Protein backbone atom coordinates (compact mmCIF):
# COMPACT_ATOMS: atom_id res chain seq x y z
CA MET A 1 0.00 0.00 0.00
CA SER A 2 1.84 3.06 -1.20
CA ASP A 3 1.02 6.72 -0.62
CA THR A 4 1.48 8.53 -3.93
CA ARG A 5 1.40 11.91 -2.22
CA ARG A 6 4.66 11.35 -0.38
CA PRO A 7 7.91 12.14 -2.22
CA ALA A 8 10.74 9.67 -2.63
CA THR A 9 13.50 9.76 -0.04
CA THR A 10 17.20 10.49 -0.41
CA ARG A 11 19.58 7.55 -0.55
CA VAL A 12 20.97 6.06 2.67
CA PRO A 13 23.66 3.63 1.44
CA HIS A 14 24.23 1.63 4.65
CA PRO A 15 21.46 2.40 7.13
CA ARG A 16 21.67 1.53 10.79
CA VAL A 17 18.74 -0.81 11.44
CA ILE A 18 17.62 -1.94 14.88
CA VAL A 19 15.26 -4.93 15.20
CA THR A 20 13.39 -5.09 18.50
CA ARG A 21 12.51 -8.82 18.64
CA GLU A 22 14.09 -12.09 17.57
CA LEU A 23 13.00 -13.15 14.08
CA PRO A 24 13.81 -16.41 12.24
CA ASP A 25 17.57 -16.88 11.85
CA ILE A 26 17.39 -16.67 8.08
CA VAL A 27 15.82 -13.22 8.36
CA MET A 28 18.24 -12.00 11.04
CA ASP A 29 21.18 -13.16 8.98
CA ARG A 30 19.87 -11.17 6.01
CA PHE A 31 19.63 -8.06 8.16
CA ASP A 32 23.24 -8.54 9.24
CA ALA A 33 24.41 -9.05 5.66
CA LEU A 34 22.57 -6.08 4.16
CA PHE A 35 22.57 -3.38 6.82
CA ASP A 36 24.45 -1.99 9.80
CA SER A 37 22.06 -3.95 11.95
CA VAL A 38 21.53 -4.53 15.64
CA THR A 39 19.26 -7.53 16.21
CA ASN A 40 17.66 -8.62 19.46
CA ARG A 41 18.38 -12.36 19.61
CA THR A 42 16.95 -12.88 23.10
CA ASP A 43 13.27 -12.65 22.07
CA GLU A 44 12.62 -10.53 25.14
CA ALA A 45 10.60 -7.40 24.48
CA MET A 46 12.59 -4.20 24.89
CA THR A 47 11.87 -2.07 27.92
CA ARG A 48 10.73 1.51 27.50
CA ASP A 49 14.20 2.80 28.32
CA GLN A 50 15.74 0.46 25.75
CA LEU A 51 13.31 1.69 23.11
CA VAL A 52 14.14 5.30 23.91
CA ALA A 53 17.84 4.57 23.49
CA THR A 54 17.13 2.64 20.30
CA VAL A 55 15.18 5.35 18.47
CA ALA A 56 17.93 7.84 19.28
CA ASP A 57 20.54 5.74 17.50
CA CYS A 58 19.16 4.36 14.24
CA ASP A 59 18.00 5.25 10.75
CA VAL A 60 15.43 2.46 10.70
CA LEU A 61 13.46 0.90 13.54
CA VAL A 62 11.90 -2.54 13.02
CA PRO A 63 9.29 -2.95 15.78
CA THR A 64 6.62 -5.59 16.36
CA VAL A 65 3.13 -5.48 17.84
CA THR A 66 4.58 -5.77 21.35
CA ASP A 67 6.37 -2.41 21.05
CA THR A 68 4.42 0.76 21.86
CA ILE A 69 5.69 3.42 19.47
CA ASP A 70 3.73 6.35 20.81
CA ALA A 71 4.08 10.11 20.35
CA ALA A 72 6.44 10.51 23.30
CA LEU A 73 8.79 7.83 21.99
CA ILE A 74 8.75 9.32 18.50
CA GLU A 75 9.47 12.77 19.97
CA ALA A 76 12.51 11.27 21.73
CA ALA A 77 13.85 9.91 18.45
CA GLY A 78 17.01 11.32 16.98
CA GLU A 79 17.02 13.23 13.72
CA ARG A 80 18.38 10.22 11.85
CA LEU A 81 15.30 8.04 12.39
CA LYS A 82 13.42 8.25 9.09
CA LEU A 83 11.76 4.86 8.70
CA ILE A 84 9.70 2.64 11.00
CA ALA A 85 9.52 -0.67 9.12
CA ASN A 86 6.96 -2.58 11.14
CA PHE A 87 7.17 -6.37 11.28
CA GLY A 88 3.48 -7.17 10.87
CA ALA A 89 0.40 -5.82 9.14
CA GLY A 90 -1.28 -4.10 12.08
CA VAL A 91 0.01 -0.65 13.03
CA ASN A 92 -2.29 0.31 15.90
CA HIS A 93 0.75 0.24 18.24
CA ILE A 94 2.39 3.07 16.26
CA ASP A 95 1.29 6.71 16.51
CA LEU A 96 1.04 7.41 12.80
CA ARG A 97 0.21 11.09 13.20
CA ALA A 98 3.27 11.67 15.38
CA ALA A 99 5.47 9.83 12.91
CA ARG A 100 4.09 11.82 9.99
CA ALA A 101 4.63 15.09 11.86
CA ARG A 102 8.31 14.18 12.24
CA GLY A 103 8.62 13.15 8.58
CA ILE A 104 9.11 9.48 9.52
CA ILE A 105 7.80 6.95 7.01
CA VAL A 106 5.94 3.93 8.37
CA THR A 107 5.67 0.65 6.49
CA ASN A 108 4.00 -2.65 7.29
CA THR A 109 3.82 -6.18 5.86
CA PRO A 110 0.32 -6.69 4.44
CA GLY A 111 -0.90 -9.84 2.76
CA VAL A 112 1.71 -12.36 3.83
CA LEU A 113 -0.21 -13.62 6.87
CA THR A 114 -3.65 -13.77 5.27
CA GLU A 115 -3.82 -17.53 4.77
CA ASP A 116 -2.27 -18.36 8.14
CA THR A 117 -4.71 -16.14 10.05
CA ALA A 118 -7.66 -17.45 8.05
CA ASP A 119 -6.60 -21.03 8.85
CA MET A 120 -6.48 -20.24 12.57
CA THR A 121 -9.85 -18.51 12.41
CA MET A 122 -11.41 -21.53 10.71
CA ALA A 123 -9.84 -23.79 13.34
CA LEU A 124 -11.53 -21.75 16.07
CA ILE A 125 -14.84 -21.70 14.19
CA VAL A 126 -14.76 -25.51 14.21
CA SER A 127 -13.20 -25.96 17.65
CA VAL A 128 -15.62 -23.95 19.75
CA PRO A 129 -18.97 -25.48 18.67
CA ARG A 130 -17.45 -28.97 18.52
CA ARG A 131 -15.87 -28.56 21.99
CA LEU A 132 -12.44 -29.72 20.85
CA ALA A 133 -10.57 -28.08 23.73
CA ALA A 134 -12.88 -29.63 26.33
CA GLY A 135 -12.54 -33.02 24.67
CA GLU A 136 -8.75 -32.80 24.61
CA GLN A 137 -8.70 -31.83 28.28
CA LEU A 138 -10.99 -34.76 29.14
CA VAL A 139 -8.65 -37.25 27.46
CA ARG A 140 -5.58 -35.78 29.20
CA SER A 141 -7.31 -35.82 32.58
CA GLY A 142 -7.64 -39.60 32.51
CA GLN A 143 -11.36 -39.27 33.36
CA TRP A 144 -12.72 -40.29 29.96
CA LYS A 145 -14.83 -43.44 30.32
CA GLY A 146 -15.21 -44.18 26.60
CA TRP A 147 -17.72 -43.35 23.91
CA SER A 148 -21.35 -42.75 24.82
CA PRO A 149 -24.32 -41.43 22.82
CA GLY A 150 -24.56 -38.32 24.96
CA GLY A 151 -20.86 -37.75 25.50
CA MET A 152 -19.18 -34.47 24.47
CA LEU A 153 -22.08 -33.27 22.35
CA GLY A 154 -21.36 -30.10 20.43
CA ARG A 155 -23.03 -28.22 17.60
CA ARG A 156 -22.82 -28.80 13.84
CA ILE A 157 -21.51 -25.80 11.89
CA GLY A 158 -22.81 -26.81 8.46
CA GLY A 159 -25.92 -24.85 7.55
CA LYS A 160 -25.21 -22.07 10.04
CA ALA A 161 -24.84 -18.37 9.20
CA LEU A 162 -21.36 -16.90 9.61
CA GLY A 163 -21.10 -13.15 10.14
CA ILE A 164 -17.77 -11.53 9.18
CA VAL A 165 -16.94 -8.08 10.50
CA GLY A 166 -14.37 -6.65 8.07
CA MET A 167 -14.16 -8.15 4.59
CA GLY A 168 -10.58 -7.40 3.62
CA ARG A 169 -8.01 -10.01 2.61
CA ILE A 170 -8.42 -12.12 5.74
CA GLY A 171 -12.20 -11.84 5.88
CA GLN A 172 -12.43 -13.01 2.27
CA ALA A 173 -10.03 -15.90 2.92
CA VAL A 174 -12.18 -16.96 5.88
CA ALA A 175 -15.30 -16.76 3.72
CA LEU A 176 -13.76 -19.11 1.15
CA ARG A 177 -12.92 -21.66 3.83
CA ALA A 178 -16.27 -21.33 5.57
CA ARG A 179 -18.20 -21.99 2.37
CA ALA A 180 -16.44 -25.36 2.09
CA PHE A 181 -17.80 -26.21 5.55
CA GLY A 182 -21.35 -25.42 4.47
CA LEU A 183 -21.71 -22.06 6.21
CA SER A 184 -23.66 -19.22 4.61
CA ILE A 185 -21.65 -15.99 4.46
CA HIS A 186 -22.81 -12.63 5.76
CA TYR A 187 -20.56 -9.62 6.13
CA HIS A 188 -20.42 -6.03 7.30
CA ASN A 189 -17.81 -3.76 5.78
CA ARG A 190 -17.44 -0.03 5.44
CA ASN A 191 -17.63 -0.46 1.67
CA ARG A 192 -19.57 -3.13 -0.13
CA LEU A 193 -17.55 -5.60 -2.20
CA PRO A 194 -17.89 -5.58 -6.01
CA ALA A 195 -20.80 -7.69 -7.20
CA VAL A 196 -18.54 -10.20 -8.94
CA LEU A 197 -16.59 -10.81 -5.72
CA GLU A 198 -19.77 -11.09 -3.67
CA ALA A 199 -20.97 -13.72 -6.12
CA GLN A 200 -17.70 -15.66 -5.91
CA LEU A 201 -17.93 -15.72 -2.12
CA ALA A 202 -21.72 -16.20 -2.08
CA ALA A 203 -21.68 -13.40 0.49
CA THR A 204 -24.54 -11.19 1.66
CA TRP A 205 -23.66 -7.62 2.60
CA HIS A 206 -25.28 -5.95 5.61
CA ALA A 207 -25.06 -2.16 5.59
CA SER A 208 -26.05 -2.23 9.27
CA LEU A 209 -23.74 -4.08 11.64
CA ASP A 210 -26.51 -4.29 14.21
CA GLU A 211 -28.83 -6.02 11.76
CA MET A 212 -26.18 -8.57 10.83
CA LEU A 213 -25.41 -9.37 14.46
CA ALA A 214 -29.04 -10.28 15.04
CA ALA A 215 -29.06 -12.66 12.07
CA VAL A 216 -25.94 -14.83 12.45
CA ASP A 217 -25.01 -17.99 14.33
CA ILE A 218 -21.24 -17.47 14.43
CA LEU A 219 -19.49 -14.07 14.45
CA THR A 220 -15.85 -13.55 13.49
CA ILE A 221 -13.86 -10.30 13.68
CA HIS A 222 -11.45 -9.21 10.93
CA THR A 223 -11.10 -5.45 11.15
CA PRO A 224 -8.00 -3.44 12.12
CA ARG A 225 -7.91 -1.94 15.58
CA ASN A 226 -8.15 1.84 15.39
CA ALA A 227 -10.24 4.66 16.82
CA ASP A 228 -13.29 3.53 14.83
CA SER A 229 -13.10 -0.12 15.87
CA GLU A 230 -12.19 0.29 19.56
CA ASN A 231 -14.86 -1.67 21.48
CA LEU A 232 -16.81 -2.00 18.22
CA ILE A 233 -18.48 -5.11 19.63
CA ASP A 234 -19.55 -3.49 22.88
CA ARG A 235 -22.06 -4.48 25.52
CA ARG A 236 -25.01 -3.20 23.49
CA ARG A 237 -23.98 -5.10 20.37
CA ILE A 238 -23.16 -8.28 22.28
CA ALA A 239 -26.75 -8.14 23.56
CA LEU A 240 -27.94 -8.22 19.93
CA LEU A 241 -26.37 -11.67 19.45
CA ARG A 242 -28.69 -14.58 20.12
CA PRO A 243 -27.85 -16.99 22.98
CA HIS A 244 -26.72 -19.80 20.65
CA VAL A 245 -24.08 -17.62 18.92
CA TYR A 246 -20.33 -18.26 19.07
CA LEU A 247 -17.96 -15.28 18.88
CA ILE A 248 -14.50 -15.65 17.30
CA ASN A 249 -11.72 -13.07 17.48
CA ALA A 250 -8.33 -13.65 15.85
CA SER A 251 -7.91 -10.01 14.83
CA ARG A 252 -6.93 -7.67 17.67
CA GLY A 253 -7.79 -7.37 21.32
CA GLY A 254 -9.81 -4.27 22.19
CA ILE A 255 -12.24 -4.58 19.29
CA VAL A 256 -14.49 -6.70 21.51
CA ASP A 257 -15.42 -5.36 24.95
CA GLU A 258 -13.85 -8.19 26.92
CA GLU A 259 -15.67 -7.50 30.18
CA ALA A 260 -19.03 -7.46 28.41
CA LEU A 261 -18.11 -10.67 26.59
CA VAL A 262 -17.25 -12.44 29.85
CA ASP A 263 -20.49 -11.26 31.45
CA ALA A 264 -22.51 -12.62 28.50
CA LEU A 265 -20.69 -15.97 28.55
CA GLU A 266 -21.10 -16.36 32.30
CA ALA A 267 -24.80 -15.53 32.09
CA GLY A 268 -25.40 -17.97 29.21
CA ARG A 269 -26.30 -15.18 26.80
CA LEU A 270 -23.66 -16.53 24.38
CA ALA A 271 -22.87 -20.15 23.60
CA GLY A 272 -19.09 -19.77 23.51
CA ALA A 273 -16.07 -17.93 22.18
CA GLY A 274 -12.80 -18.60 20.42
CA LEU A 275 -10.12 -16.04 21.24
CA ASP A 276 -6.58 -15.68 19.90
CA VAL A 277 -6.15 -12.03 20.98
CA TRP A 278 -6.69 -10.11 24.18
CA THR A 279 -7.23 -6.54 25.32
CA HIS A 280 -4.29 -6.54 27.76
CA GLU A 281 -1.96 -9.18 26.35
CA PRO A 282 -0.48 -11.27 27.82
CA GLN A 283 -2.77 -10.75 30.82
CA ILE A 284 -6.07 -12.62 30.49
CA ASP A 285 -9.18 -12.07 32.58
CA PRO A 286 -9.18 -15.00 35.07
CA ARG A 287 -12.92 -15.39 34.56
CA LEU A 288 -12.26 -16.37 30.94
CA LEU A 289 -9.80 -19.02 32.09
CA ALA A 290 -12.55 -20.61 34.18
CA LEU A 291 -15.10 -20.86 31.35
CA PRO A 292 -15.33 -24.30 29.70
CA ASN A 293 -16.99 -22.94 26.55
CA VAL A 294 -14.07 -20.71 25.53
CA VAL A 295 -11.19 -21.89 23.34
CA MET A 296 -8.10 -19.74 23.92
CA THR A 297 -4.86 -19.61 21.95
CA PRO A 298 -1.82 -17.36 22.61
CA HIS A 299 -2.01 -14.87 19.70
CA MET A 300 -0.74 -17.51 17.29
CA GLY A 301 -2.95 -16.80 14.29
CA SER A 302 0.02 -15.78 12.16
CA ALA A 303 2.53 -18.08 13.84
CA THR A 304 3.93 -20.13 10.99
CA TYR A 305 7.58 -20.30 10.05
CA GLU A 306 6.71 -19.50 6.44
CA GLY A 307 4.69 -16.46 7.47
CA ARG A 308 7.40 -15.07 9.73
CA VAL A 309 10.02 -15.43 7.00
CA ALA A 310 7.74 -13.81 4.41
CA SER A 311 7.09 -10.90 6.79
CA GLY A 312 10.82 -10.46 7.33
CA GLU A 313 11.41 -10.43 3.59
CA LYS A 314 8.82 -7.69 3.18
CA VAL A 315 10.48 -5.62 5.90
CA ILE A 316 13.84 -6.01 4.17
CA LEU A 317 12.37 -5.02 0.80
CA ASN A 318 10.81 -1.89 2.30
CA ILE A 319 14.11 -0.89 3.90
CA ARG A 320 16.13 -1.53 0.74
CA MET A 321 13.74 0.49 -1.42
CA TRP A 322 13.84 3.36 1.06
CA ALA A 323 17.62 3.19 1.40
CA ASP A 324 17.93 3.38 -2.41
CA GLY A 325 15.90 6.57 -2.46
CA HIS A 326 12.62 5.03 -3.61
CA ARG A 327 9.20 4.99 -2.04
CA PRO A 328 8.74 1.75 -0.01
CA PRO A 329 6.07 -0.49 -1.55
CA ASP A 330 4.22 -0.97 1.74
CA GLN A 331 4.17 2.60 3.01
CA VAL A 332 1.15 2.97 5.26
CA LEU A 333 -1.64 5.03 3.74
CA GLU A 334 -2.94 8.25 5.19
CA GLY A 335 -6.25 6.46 5.65
CA TRP A 336 -4.81 4.32 8.47
CA VAL A 337 -4.87 7.36 10.75
């Protein structure tokens, strides 16, 4: 995603690049070969003080979702910092306005994690109604007494209505998978998809999110986290979901009001949830941990070796294009702000 309004940069032949988290060795080795790089091989998130020291001493910062690149940190940056090449597609942890005010370009890595995240979403869509986590725990506990007609009964997903909030790359990839499982596809998006794409996905657009919520059996979230989507699925909207509905979130924590979700699950106003992301990661509400109808995974939707390497390659391409005086191919659009 390039911003055609922003001019090309001047050349920086051998930029100093600092990477905040450990990436696959093949990616780290490429950083070392191509740039004056400092790579964090401990896989421990940098402290605030370390980040402050880092932005004062580099041309390019390569952060991840665990790094908060806010206005104060950007203000503390030295004059040489000109590129924040984010490792990942989401940029809600970066203050884009503050970066733009300082003339710092921000890039991301869109597209490379689409299939991985869609796979994880589909796994949760199947796992929660079919009670896979509870079944696995029963086997491990040693308490399973063998098959019985009433044992571990879940719900069939075929024939159910899937509601997708956000029909970008990942939402569309989920829709393709869900169709193969016999789900009907409903979606809410800021802009309606072209008719030919709607037909390919057999998807029904709902201009009103509230109306869609009242009509679906499973809800999955695939919208970026920003000012518009913060607590998008709030207490009022959770109340619009019928009691048999399962809610899936492999997008970003904070889009769903977690406290309201827990209250609805505890009260039986929702059938279950599948969560890969959390509002205050890595802290998780202990009430969620106690609920048997919630499948929880540790923000691993994009966690494939292939995906991590592909993301690293995109970061490297963005840096090399910038260092050569060209506009990076994945410069974040003004519309992200």
